[in-house]
N, C-alpha and C. Protein backbone atom coordinates (compact mmCIF):
# COMPACT_ATOMS: atom_id res chain seq x y z
N UNK A 1 4.20 49.57 36.46
CA UNK A 1 3.99 47.98 36.26
C UNK A 1 2.11 47.68 36.23
N UNK A 2 0.86 48.58 36.11
CA UNK A 2 -0.15 48.34 36.15
C UNK A 2 -0.26 48.06 34.23
N UNK A 3 0.71 48.97 33.56
CA UNK A 3 0.42 48.80 32.61
C UNK A 3 0.68 48.05 31.47
N UNK A 4 1.78 47.77 31.88
CA UNK A 4 2.94 46.86 31.55
C UNK A 4 2.34 45.65 32.03
N UNK A 5 1.34 44.73 33.04
CA UNK A 5 0.47 44.20 32.50
C UNK A 5 -0.45 43.75 32.27
N UNK A 6 -1.59 45.19 32.01
CA UNK A 6 -2.51 45.00 31.25
C UNK A 6 -1.76 44.65 29.61
N UNK A 7 -0.93 45.04 29.32
CA UNK A 7 -0.22 45.01 27.73
C UNK A 7 0.00 43.83 27.93
N UNK A 8 0.49 42.91 28.55
CA UNK A 8 0.97 41.80 28.75
C UNK A 8 -0.46 40.79 28.47
N UNK A 9 -1.46 40.95 29.01
CA UNK A 9 -2.58 40.48 29.78
C UNK A 9 -2.94 40.28 28.21
N UNK A 10 -3.24 41.78 27.64
CA UNK A 10 -4.04 42.02 26.06
C UNK A 10 -3.12 41.04 25.41
N UNK A 11 -1.94 41.16 25.21
CA UNK A 11 -1.19 40.18 24.20
C UNK A 11 -1.63 38.85 24.37
N UNK A 12 -1.43 38.11 25.21
CA UNK A 12 -1.58 37.11 25.86
C UNK A 12 -3.45 36.71 25.12
N UNK A 13 -4.39 37.92 25.30
CA UNK A 13 -5.83 37.37 25.26
C UNK A 13 -5.71 37.18 23.65
N UNK A 14 -5.06 38.16 22.47
CA UNK A 14 -4.92 38.16 20.97
C UNK A 14 -4.42 37.09 20.75
N UNK A 15 -3.09 36.70 21.22
CA UNK A 15 -2.68 35.07 20.76
C UNK A 15 -3.44 33.56 21.04
N UNK A 16 -4.26 33.49 22.32
CA UNK A 16 -5.31 32.99 22.38
C UNK A 16 -6.13 32.72 21.79
N UNK A 17 -6.98 33.98 21.29
CA UNK A 17 -7.98 34.07 21.07
C UNK A 17 -8.16 33.76 18.88
N UNK A 18 -6.73 34.24 18.95
CA UNK A 18 -6.72 34.02 17.71
C UNK A 18 -6.11 32.56 17.36
N UNK A 19 -5.75 31.24 17.91
CA UNK A 19 -5.62 29.87 17.17
C UNK A 19 -6.49 29.48 17.77
N UNK A 20 -7.19 28.81 16.53
CA UNK A 20 -7.99 27.62 16.65
C UNK A 20 -7.74 26.35 16.26
N UNK A 21 -7.08 25.49 16.95
CA UNK A 21 -6.82 23.77 16.29
C UNK A 21 -7.88 23.27 16.32
N UNK A 22 -9.06 23.58 16.46
CA UNK A 22 -10.32 22.52 15.97
C UNK A 22 -10.08 22.13 14.40
N UNK A 23 -9.44 23.27 13.84
CA UNK A 23 -9.80 22.97 12.12
C UNK A 23 -8.43 22.39 11.29
N UNK A 24 -7.14 22.39 12.66
CA UNK A 24 -6.12 22.44 12.36
C UNK A 24 -5.90 20.71 12.24
N UNK A 25 -5.93 19.35 12.01
CA UNK A 25 -6.17 18.01 12.79
C UNK A 25 -5.04 17.68 10.76
N UNK A 26 -3.89 17.40 10.93
CA UNK A 26 -3.15 16.84 9.38
C UNK A 26 -3.71 15.40 9.76
N UNK A 27 -3.73 15.04 8.84
CA UNK A 27 -3.86 13.46 8.63
C UNK A 27 -3.01 12.56 7.95
N UNK A 28 -2.39 11.58 8.67
CA UNK A 28 -1.22 10.87 7.67
C UNK A 28 -1.64 9.74 7.48
N UNK A 29 -1.88 9.08 6.21
CA UNK A 29 -2.66 7.52 5.82
C UNK A 29 -1.75 6.95 5.60
N UNK A 30 -1.92 5.76 5.49
CA UNK A 30 -0.97 4.57 5.40
C UNK A 30 -1.21 4.62 3.56
N UNK A 31 0.22 4.17 3.35
CA UNK A 31 0.77 3.82 1.74
C UNK A 31 0.61 2.28 1.74
N UNK A 32 -0.05 1.67 0.79
CA UNK A 32 -0.75 0.49 0.49
C UNK A 32 0.37 -0.17 -0.67
N UNK A 33 0.49 -1.59 -0.48
CA UNK A 33 1.42 -2.31 -1.77
C UNK A 33 -0.06 -3.49 -2.18
N UNK A 34 0.32 -4.11 -2.67
CA UNK A 34 -0.47 -5.28 -3.66
C UNK A 34 0.06 -6.24 -3.40
N UNK A 35 -0.25 -7.43 -2.66
CA UNK A 35 0.65 -8.13 -1.98
C UNK A 35 0.07 -9.26 -2.68
N UNK A 36 1.33 -10.41 -3.04
CA UNK A 36 1.07 -11.51 -3.33
C UNK A 36 1.41 -12.86 -2.87
N UNK A 37 0.75 -13.84 -2.11
CA UNK A 37 1.62 -14.88 -1.54
C UNK A 37 1.57 -15.82 -3.41
N UNK A 38 2.15 -17.04 -3.54
CA UNK A 38 2.38 -17.79 -4.05
C UNK A 38 1.93 -19.55 -3.90
N UNK A 39 1.40 -19.99 -3.56
CA UNK A 39 1.75 -21.24 -3.65
C UNK A 39 1.19 -23.02 -4.44
N UNK A 40 1.80 -23.74 -4.32
CA UNK A 40 1.37 -24.56 -5.28
C UNK A 40 -0.74 -25.53 -4.60
N UNK A 41 -0.76 -26.14 -4.93
CA UNK A 41 -1.88 -27.18 -5.00
C UNK A 41 -1.80 -27.43 -3.77
N UNK A 42 -0.95 -28.12 -2.98
CA UNK A 42 -0.34 -28.33 -1.67
C UNK A 42 0.23 -27.47 -0.67
N UNK A 43 -0.87 -25.85 -1.55
CA UNK A 43 0.41 -25.19 -0.07
C UNK A 43 1.31 -24.74 -0.25
N UNK A 44 2.29 -25.36 -0.75
CA UNK A 44 4.05 -25.04 -1.19
C UNK A 44 4.06 -23.36 -1.68
N UNK A 45 4.83 -22.87 -0.57
CA UNK A 45 5.58 -21.37 -0.95
C UNK A 45 6.43 -21.37 -1.83
N UNK A 46 5.61 -21.45 -3.26
CA UNK A 46 6.86 -20.98 -4.56
C UNK A 46 7.45 -19.89 -4.68
N UNK A 47 7.79 -19.14 -3.69
CA UNK A 47 8.52 -17.89 -3.40
C UNK A 47 9.53 -18.42 -2.59
N UNK A 48 9.29 -19.16 -1.93
CA UNK A 48 10.49 -19.52 -0.99
C UNK A 48 11.94 -20.59 -1.96
N UNK A 49 12.79 -20.00 -1.47
CA UNK A 49 14.12 -20.11 -2.31
C UNK A 49 13.77 -22.13 -1.69
N UNK A 50 13.68 -22.57 -0.36
CA UNK A 50 13.92 -23.64 -0.29
C UNK A 50 12.90 -25.19 -0.58
N UNK A 51 11.91 -24.18 -1.62
CA UNK A 51 10.47 -24.79 -2.03
C UNK A 51 11.20 -26.01 -3.18
N UNK A 52 11.27 -27.14 -3.25
CA UNK A 52 11.25 -27.95 -4.82
C UNK A 52 10.24 -27.47 -5.61
N UNK A 53 10.76 -26.89 -6.65
CA UNK A 53 9.50 -26.33 -8.05
C UNK A 53 9.05 -25.22 -7.62
N UNK A 54 10.07 -24.13 -7.11
CA UNK A 54 9.74 -22.52 -6.89
C UNK A 54 9.69 -22.04 -7.86
N UNK A 55 9.48 -20.78 -8.22
CA UNK A 55 9.06 -20.16 -8.93
C UNK A 55 10.64 -18.86 -9.17
N UNK A 56 11.30 -19.00 -8.75
CA UNK A 56 12.49 -17.43 -8.38
C UNK A 56 13.18 -17.23 -9.82
N UNK A 57 12.76 -18.97 -10.67
CA UNK A 57 14.59 -18.73 -11.89
C UNK A 57 13.12 -17.70 -13.04
N UNK A 58 11.92 -17.62 -12.90
CA UNK A 58 11.07 -17.13 -13.54
C UNK A 58 11.38 -15.51 -12.98
N UNK A 59 11.23 -14.56 -14.84
CA UNK A 59 11.46 -13.69 -14.92
C UNK A 59 9.94 -12.82 -14.65
N UNK A 60 9.29 -12.41 -13.28
CA UNK A 60 8.57 -12.31 -12.83
C UNK A 60 8.14 -10.71 -13.25
N UNK A 61 7.33 -10.44 -13.62
CA UNK A 61 7.19 -9.42 -13.71
C UNK A 61 6.13 -8.15 -13.81
N UNK A 62 5.77 -6.58 -13.37
CA UNK A 62 4.44 -6.21 -13.66
C UNK A 62 4.44 -4.86 -14.55
N UNK A 63 3.98 -4.99 -15.15
CA UNK A 63 3.20 -4.33 -16.29
C UNK A 63 1.98 -2.84 -15.57
N UNK A 64 2.52 -1.92 -15.43
CA UNK A 64 2.11 -1.25 -14.97
C UNK A 64 2.05 0.57 -15.94
N UNK A 65 1.05 1.06 -15.93
CA UNK A 65 1.27 2.36 -16.97
C UNK A 65 2.65 2.70 -17.96
N UNK A 66 2.20 2.07 -18.86
CA UNK A 66 3.35 1.97 -19.42
C UNK A 66 4.65 1.15 -19.09
N UNK A 67 5.11 0.96 -18.31
CA UNK A 67 6.19 0.59 -17.29
C UNK A 67 6.12 -0.47 -17.44
N UNK A 68 7.66 -1.67 -17.34
CA UNK A 68 8.05 -2.77 -16.79
C UNK A 68 8.73 -3.17 -15.44
N UNK A 69 8.33 -3.37 -14.53
CA UNK A 69 9.06 -3.25 -13.34
C UNK A 69 9.28 -4.94 -13.09
N UNK A 70 10.68 -4.86 -13.10
CA UNK A 70 11.18 -6.32 -12.15
C UNK A 70 11.49 -6.24 -11.01
N UNK A 71 11.38 -7.48 -10.35
CA UNK A 71 11.34 -7.68 -9.16
C UNK A 71 12.91 -7.49 -8.41
N UNK A 72 12.84 -7.13 -7.11
CA UNK A 72 14.03 -6.68 -6.76
C UNK A 72 14.31 -7.07 -4.82
N UNK A 73 14.85 -6.99 -4.27
CA UNK A 73 15.27 -7.61 -3.38
C UNK A 73 14.62 -6.36 -2.21
N UNK A 74 13.51 -6.36 -1.27
CA UNK A 74 14.09 -5.20 -0.55
C UNK A 74 14.70 -4.89 0.42
N UNK A 75 14.07 -3.29 0.05
CA UNK A 75 15.62 -2.87 1.37
C UNK A 75 15.11 -3.08 2.57
N UNK A 76 15.53 -3.92 3.29
CA UNK A 76 15.40 -3.61 4.81
C UNK A 76 15.95 -2.90 5.35
N UNK A 77 16.86 -2.35 5.29
CA UNK A 77 17.86 -1.19 6.55
C UNK A 77 17.03 0.20 6.69
N UNK A 78 16.21 0.55 5.84
CA UNK A 78 15.38 1.88 6.28
C UNK A 78 13.52 1.59 6.05
N UNK A 79 13.61 2.34 7.09
CA UNK A 79 11.46 1.92 7.30
C UNK A 79 11.10 3.30 6.53
N UNK A 80 11.19 4.02 5.10
CA UNK A 80 10.89 5.03 4.90
C UNK A 80 10.24 4.47 3.75
N UNK A 81 9.02 5.43 2.66
CA UNK A 81 8.13 5.03 1.64
C UNK A 81 9.43 4.35 0.89
N UNK A 82 8.86 3.63 -0.10
CA UNK A 82 9.20 2.92 -0.93
C UNK A 82 8.83 3.52 -2.13
N UNK A 83 9.95 3.91 -3.44
CA UNK A 83 9.32 3.94 -4.35
C UNK A 83 8.25 2.78 -5.16
N UNK A 84 7.90 3.42 -6.50
CA UNK A 84 7.06 2.22 -7.20
C UNK A 84 7.25 1.23 -7.47
N UNK A 85 7.59 0.22 -7.05
CA UNK A 85 8.64 -1.30 -7.42
C UNK A 85 7.87 -2.43 -7.22
N UNK A 86 8.51 -3.55 -7.76
CA UNK A 86 8.13 -5.12 -7.17
C UNK A 86 9.10 -5.73 -6.20
N UNK A 87 9.08 -6.18 -4.86
CA UNK A 87 9.72 -5.85 -4.47
C UNK A 87 9.44 -7.83 -3.49
N UNK A 88 10.30 -8.28 -3.66
CA UNK A 88 9.75 -9.97 -2.21
C UNK A 88 10.67 -10.41 -0.78
N UNK A 89 10.41 -10.63 0.05
CA UNK A 89 10.54 -10.05 1.32
C UNK A 89 9.09 -11.31 1.89
N UNK A 90 9.63 -11.71 2.88
CA UNK A 90 9.09 -12.57 3.80
C UNK A 90 8.05 -11.45 4.95
N UNK A 91 6.50 -11.79 4.65
CA UNK A 91 5.74 -11.23 5.24
C UNK A 91 5.16 -12.48 6.31
N UNK A 92 5.46 -11.49 7.30
CA UNK A 92 4.96 -12.44 8.51
C UNK A 92 2.95 -12.68 8.38
N UNK A 93 2.01 -11.42 8.24
CA UNK A 93 0.58 -12.01 8.68
C UNK A 93 0.56 -13.30 7.42
N UNK A 94 1.14 -13.49 6.16
CA UNK A 94 1.63 -14.61 5.46
C UNK A 94 1.66 -15.74 5.70
N UNK A 95 2.80 -15.56 6.47
CA UNK A 95 3.69 -16.50 6.99
C UNK A 95 4.10 -17.19 6.17
N UNK A 96 4.72 -16.25 4.91
CA UNK A 96 5.32 -16.55 3.35
C UNK A 96 6.03 -15.79 2.69
N UNK A 97 6.86 -16.09 2.14
CA UNK A 97 6.91 -15.04 0.97
C UNK A 97 6.73 -14.89 -0.06
N UNK A 98 6.71 -13.49 0.00
CA UNK A 98 5.49 -12.78 -0.86
C UNK A 98 6.47 -11.58 -1.87
N UNK A 99 5.47 -11.40 -3.05
CA UNK A 99 5.93 -10.70 -3.65
C UNK A 99 5.07 -9.30 -3.75
N UNK A 100 5.22 -8.00 -3.47
CA UNK A 100 4.75 -6.61 -3.29
C UNK A 100 4.65 -5.86 -4.64
N UNK A 101 3.82 -5.40 -4.92
CA UNK A 101 3.96 -4.07 -5.87
C UNK A 101 3.34 -2.53 -5.13
N UNK A 102 3.90 -1.91 -4.99
CA UNK A 102 3.54 -0.67 -4.75
C UNK A 102 4.72 0.57 -3.92
N UNK A 103 4.61 1.37 -3.70
CA UNK A 103 3.44 2.40 -2.55
C UNK A 103 2.45 2.71 -3.40
N UNK A 104 0.77 2.64 -3.09
CA UNK A 104 -0.25 3.61 -3.76
C UNK A 104 -0.69 4.55 -2.51
N UNK A 105 -1.32 5.66 -2.54
CA UNK A 105 -1.58 6.62 -1.30
C UNK A 105 -2.91 6.47 -1.73
N UNK A 106 -3.64 6.24 -0.42
CA UNK A 106 -5.17 6.86 -0.72
C UNK A 106 -5.68 8.09 -0.96
N UNK A 107 -4.89 8.98 -0.74
CA UNK A 107 -4.93 10.23 -1.13
C UNK A 107 -4.82 10.49 -2.64
N UNK A 108 -4.28 10.13 -3.32
CA UNK A 108 -4.45 9.73 -5.28
C UNK A 108 -5.64 9.62 -5.54
N UNK A 109 -6.43 8.85 -4.42
CA UNK A 109 -7.55 8.71 -5.08
C UNK A 109 -7.73 7.63 -6.34
N UNK A 110 -7.75 6.91 -6.04
CA UNK A 110 -7.40 5.76 -7.34
C UNK A 110 -9.09 4.56 -7.45
N UNK A 111 -8.81 4.83 -8.54
CA UNK A 111 -10.58 4.13 -9.13
C UNK A 111 -10.43 3.12 -10.34
N UNK A 112 -10.62 1.60 -9.88
CA UNK A 112 -10.64 1.40 -11.15
C UNK A 112 -8.89 1.11 -11.79
N UNK A 113 -7.90 1.72 -10.53
CA UNK A 113 -6.70 1.51 -11.61
C UNK A 113 -6.03 -0.07 -11.46
N UNK A 114 -5.07 -0.59 -12.82
CA UNK A 114 -5.45 -1.74 -12.96
C UNK A 114 -3.65 -2.12 -13.70
N UNK A 115 -2.70 -3.15 -13.39
CA UNK A 115 -2.05 -3.02 -14.04
C UNK A 115 -2.02 -4.98 -13.97
N UNK A 116 -0.85 -5.58 -14.41
CA UNK A 116 -1.21 -6.74 -14.96
C UNK A 116 0.37 -7.38 -14.58
N UNK A 117 0.58 -8.87 -13.62
CA UNK A 117 1.72 -8.78 -13.43
C UNK A 117 1.64 -10.51 -14.71
N UNK A 118 2.84 -10.59 -15.19
CA UNK A 118 3.22 -11.52 -15.46
C UNK A 118 4.11 -12.95 -14.69
N UNK A 119 3.57 -13.68 -14.94
CA UNK A 119 4.54 -14.72 -13.69
C UNK A 119 5.65 -15.61 -14.37
N UNK A 120 6.21 -15.61 -15.74
CA UNK A 120 7.23 -15.77 -16.33
C UNK A 120 7.24 -17.00 -16.95
N UNK A 121 6.01 -17.50 -16.76
CA UNK A 121 5.28 -18.74 -17.24
C UNK A 121 4.60 -19.53 -18.02
N UNK A 122 4.82 -17.38 -19.20
CA UNK A 122 3.21 -17.35 -19.76
C UNK A 122 2.21 -17.53 -19.58
N UNK A 123 1.42 -17.27 -18.17
CA UNK A 123 0.47 -16.90 -17.32
C UNK A 123 0.84 -15.38 -16.93
N UNK A 124 -0.87 -14.92 -16.82
CA UNK A 124 -0.67 -13.55 -15.90
C UNK A 124 -2.03 -13.47 -15.22
N UNK A 125 -2.09 -12.53 -14.31
CA UNK A 125 -3.36 -12.33 -13.67
C UNK A 125 -3.04 -10.64 -14.05
N UNK A 126 -5.08 -10.22 -13.86
CA UNK A 126 -4.88 -8.44 -14.11
C UNK A 126 -5.49 -7.86 -12.53
N UNK A 127 -5.12 -7.22 -12.20
CA UNK A 127 -5.16 -6.88 -10.72
C UNK A 127 -5.53 -5.68 -10.78
N UNK A 128 -6.51 -4.93 -10.60
CA UNK A 128 -7.46 -4.07 -10.43
C UNK A 128 -7.66 -3.62 -9.20
N UNK A 129 -7.46 -2.83 -9.02
CA UNK A 129 -8.00 -1.78 -7.63
C UNK A 129 -8.87 -0.66 -7.36
N UNK A 130 -9.47 -0.43 -6.75
CA UNK A 130 -9.78 1.25 -5.69
C UNK A 130 -9.84 1.29 -4.57
N UNK A 131 -8.79 2.74 -4.73
CA UNK A 131 -8.40 2.91 -3.04
C UNK A 131 -8.77 4.71 -2.97
N UNK A 132 -9.49 4.75 -1.63
CA UNK A 132 -9.67 6.37 -1.83
C UNK A 132 -10.40 6.59 -0.76
N UNK A 133 -10.23 7.97 -0.33
CA UNK A 133 -10.42 8.36 1.04
C UNK A 133 -12.16 9.15 0.70
N UNK A 134 -13.35 8.90 1.19
CA UNK A 134 -14.47 9.49 1.41
C UNK A 134 -14.54 10.49 3.11
N UNK A 135 -14.87 11.48 3.00
CA UNK A 135 -15.35 11.94 4.83
C UNK A 135 -16.35 12.06 5.06
N UNK A 136 -17.08 12.28 6.10
CA UNK A 136 -18.25 12.60 6.57
C UNK A 136 -17.49 13.65 7.51
N UNK A 137 -18.24 14.30 7.55
CA UNK A 137 -17.99 15.61 8.55
C UNK A 137 -16.08 16.26 8.94
N UNK A 138 -15.29 15.90 10.01
CA UNK A 138 -13.59 15.91 9.64
C UNK A 138 -13.56 14.32 9.85
N UNK A 139 -14.02 13.39 9.45
CA UNK A 139 -13.84 12.13 9.75
C UNK A 139 -13.44 11.40 8.41
N UNK A 140 -12.45 10.35 7.63
CA UNK A 140 -12.20 10.04 7.02
C UNK A 140 -12.64 8.71 6.85
N UNK A 141 -12.71 8.30 5.69
CA UNK A 141 -12.86 6.44 5.96
C UNK A 141 -12.39 5.97 4.25
N UNK A 142 -10.87 5.34 4.63
CA UNK A 142 -10.35 4.87 3.38
C UNK A 142 -10.99 3.58 2.66
N UNK A 143 -11.44 3.74 1.80
CA UNK A 143 -11.90 2.65 0.76
C UNK A 143 -11.29 1.66 0.30
N UNK A 144 -10.84 0.30 0.14
CA UNK A 144 -9.64 -0.63 -0.76
C UNK A 144 -10.62 -1.30 -1.51
N UNK A 145 -10.85 -1.87 -2.54
CA UNK A 145 -11.43 -3.03 -2.75
C UNK A 145 -10.32 -3.67 -3.85
N UNK A 146 -10.12 -4.56 -4.46
CA UNK A 146 -9.39 -5.30 -5.08
C UNK A 146 -9.92 -6.53 -6.11
N UNK A 147 -9.90 -5.85 -7.34
CA UNK A 147 -10.31 -7.45 -8.29
C UNK A 147 -9.10 -8.41 -9.05
N UNK A 148 -9.47 -9.31 -9.12
CA UNK A 148 -8.27 -10.20 -9.15
C UNK A 148 -9.08 -10.58 -10.61
N UNK A 149 -8.61 -10.61 -12.15
CA UNK A 149 -9.14 -11.11 -13.43
C UNK A 149 -10.76 -10.51 -12.52
N UNK A 150 -10.67 -9.66 -12.99
CA UNK A 150 -12.69 -8.75 -13.42
C UNK A 150 -13.01 -9.01 -12.14
N UNK A 151 -12.78 -9.85 -11.30
CA UNK A 151 -13.68 -10.18 -9.93
C UNK A 151 -13.38 -9.68 -8.85
N UNK A 152 -13.81 -9.20 -8.09
CA UNK A 152 -13.73 -8.39 -6.31
C UNK A 152 -12.90 -10.07 -5.66
N UNK A 153 -11.73 -9.37 -5.59
CA UNK A 153 -10.87 -10.37 -4.64
C UNK A 153 -11.48 -10.36 -2.67
N UNK A 154 -11.55 -8.59 -2.57
CA UNK A 154 -11.33 -8.00 -1.21
C UNK A 154 -11.60 -7.27 -0.82
N UNK A 155 -12.70 -6.35 -0.16
CA UNK A 155 -12.96 -5.13 0.18
C UNK A 155 -11.70 -4.82 1.60
N UNK A 156 -11.00 -6.05 2.27
CA UNK A 156 -10.41 -5.77 3.24
C UNK A 156 -8.89 -6.03 3.46
N UNK A 157 -8.67 -6.45 2.45
CA UNK A 157 -6.66 -6.55 2.19
C UNK A 157 -6.09 -6.65 0.99
N UNK A 158 -5.13 -5.97 1.13
CA UNK A 158 -4.65 -5.98 -0.10
C UNK A 158 -3.58 -7.23 -0.95
N UNK A 159 -4.11 -8.66 0.03
CA UNK A 159 -3.15 -9.57 0.05
C UNK A 159 -3.89 -10.69 -0.83
N UNK A 160 -3.66 -11.20 -1.61
CA UNK A 160 -3.56 -12.24 -2.71
C UNK A 160 -2.87 -13.33 -2.78
N UNK A 161 -4.05 -14.91 -2.45
CA UNK A 161 -3.64 -15.11 -2.59
C UNK A 161 -3.65 -16.31 -4.18
N UNK A 162 -2.30 -16.74 -4.95
CA UNK A 162 -2.22 -16.98 -6.43
C UNK A 162 -2.07 -18.50 -5.91
N UNK A 163 -2.99 -19.47 -6.49
CA UNK A 163 -2.25 -21.10 -6.83
C UNK A 163 -2.13 -21.15 -8.28
N UNK A 164 -0.55 -21.86 -8.22
CA UNK A 164 0.31 -21.77 -9.16
C UNK A 164 0.38 -23.29 -9.66
N UNK A 165 -0.50 -24.27 -10.60
CA UNK A 165 -0.40 -25.25 -10.46
C UNK A 165 0.80 -25.86 -11.22
């Protein structure tokens, strides 16, 4: 019995001593979309179907990496990562219907990444962004900077407010 207890104790010691959880942190990072809220000079939501003069009949597209992305409705039945695409939905933080293009993961270390949104009325905007992670010891920092037509727009949010005349 003593040998059995000693054997079990030795096995437990090696199992416990062999496990180090300090370096086993798994990080899960949020994916980002570039979000567009579009309004007229009076602040009316031009992506809302109830707004007179809305732009929903325009063929709004995004050109990214040589591909054209057309607007699609968001699939609200699932809460899973979405493939790269241009979607329209109501966005509570902006209190408006928005267009979003993405998803982009900061783990891909985007620096100077760009795409063009064509508004379907002959106008377009060029979006450039940085989305990457830096590490200090074992702590990550996600950096996100967005540019609208080559001018820095925000380093906090990927929400861009566009005013159409």
